[in-house]
Amino acid sequence: MATHSPILMALPGATLLQVTRHGFAEVSLRETPHFRLYSDFTADPDGFVAEALADPR
């Protein structure tokens, strides 16, 4: 099953596989980019959105 749901990824016994250029690699929930993204957002929603919308110039 492919999912980006942190709730499904956190199910006990879940095996998380990350697709890499070398094939599949097993990763922990906290190692996934999606978990880090959600963590950053929930830690500071206003700052996260402001940074995402900031002009890159």
Protein backbone atom coordinates (compact mmCIF):
# COMPACT_ATOMS: atom_id res chain seq x y z
CA MET A 1 0.00 0.00 0.00
CA ALA A 2 1.34 3.43 -0.85
CA THR A 3 0.47 6.13 1.60
CA HIS A 4 1.69 9.38 3.00
CA SER A 5 -0.60 9.20 6.00
CA PRO A 6 1.43 9.54 9.18
CA ILE A 7 -1.36 7.73 11.02
CA LEU A 8 -1.12 4.66 8.77
CA MET A 9 2.67 4.83 8.75
CA ALA A 10 2.64 4.75 12.58
CA LEU A 11 0.64 1.52 12.87
CA PRO A 12 2.45 -0.97 15.10
CA GLY A 13 4.29 -3.52 12.99
CA ALA A 14 4.13 -1.42 9.81
CA THR A 15 7.05 -1.84 7.43
CA LEU A 16 7.99 1.41 5.72
CA LEU A 17 9.88 1.24 2.48
CA GLN A 18 11.43 4.23 0.79
CA VAL A 19 12.05 4.09 -2.96
CA THR A 20 15.62 5.08 -3.79
CA ARG A 21 17.68 5.00 -6.97
CA HIS A 22 19.15 1.74 -5.68
CA GLY A 23 15.82 0.06 -4.95
CA PHE A 24 13.87 -0.10 -1.73
CA ALA A 25 15.21 0.78 1.71
CA GLU A 26 13.42 0.14 4.99
CA VAL A 27 13.07 3.31 7.07
CA SER A 28 11.59 4.25 10.42
CA LEU A 29 8.64 6.60 10.61
CA ARG A 30 10.77 9.44 11.96
CA GLU A 31 13.24 9.08 9.06
CA THR A 32 10.60 9.75 6.39
CA PRO A 33 10.51 13.18 4.75
CA HIS A 34 6.74 13.19 5.22
CA PHE A 35 7.04 12.78 9.00
CA ARG A 36 9.58 15.62 9.18
CA LEU A 37 7.27 17.83 7.09
CA TYR A 38 4.31 17.20 9.40
CA SER A 39 6.50 17.69 12.47
CA ASP A 40 7.76 21.04 11.22
CA PHE A 41 4.21 22.15 10.41
CA THR A 42 2.68 21.13 13.74
CA ALA A 43 5.56 22.70 15.69
CA ASP A 44 4.96 26.13 14.09
CA PRO A 45 2.05 26.29 11.60
CA ASP A 46 2.26 30.06 11.10
CA GLY A 47 6.02 30.04 10.57
CA PHE A 48 5.81 27.01 8.30
CA VAL A 49 3.23 28.65 6.03
CA ALA A 50 5.06 32.00 6.05
CA GLU A 51 8.29 30.31 5.00
CA ALA A 52 6.52 28.27 2.31
CA LEU A 53 4.97 31.45 0.86
CA ALA A 54 8.10 33.62 1.19
CA ASP A 55 9.50 35.14 -1.98
CA PRO A 56 12.69 33.17 -2.78
CA ARG A 57 14.46 36.30 -4.13
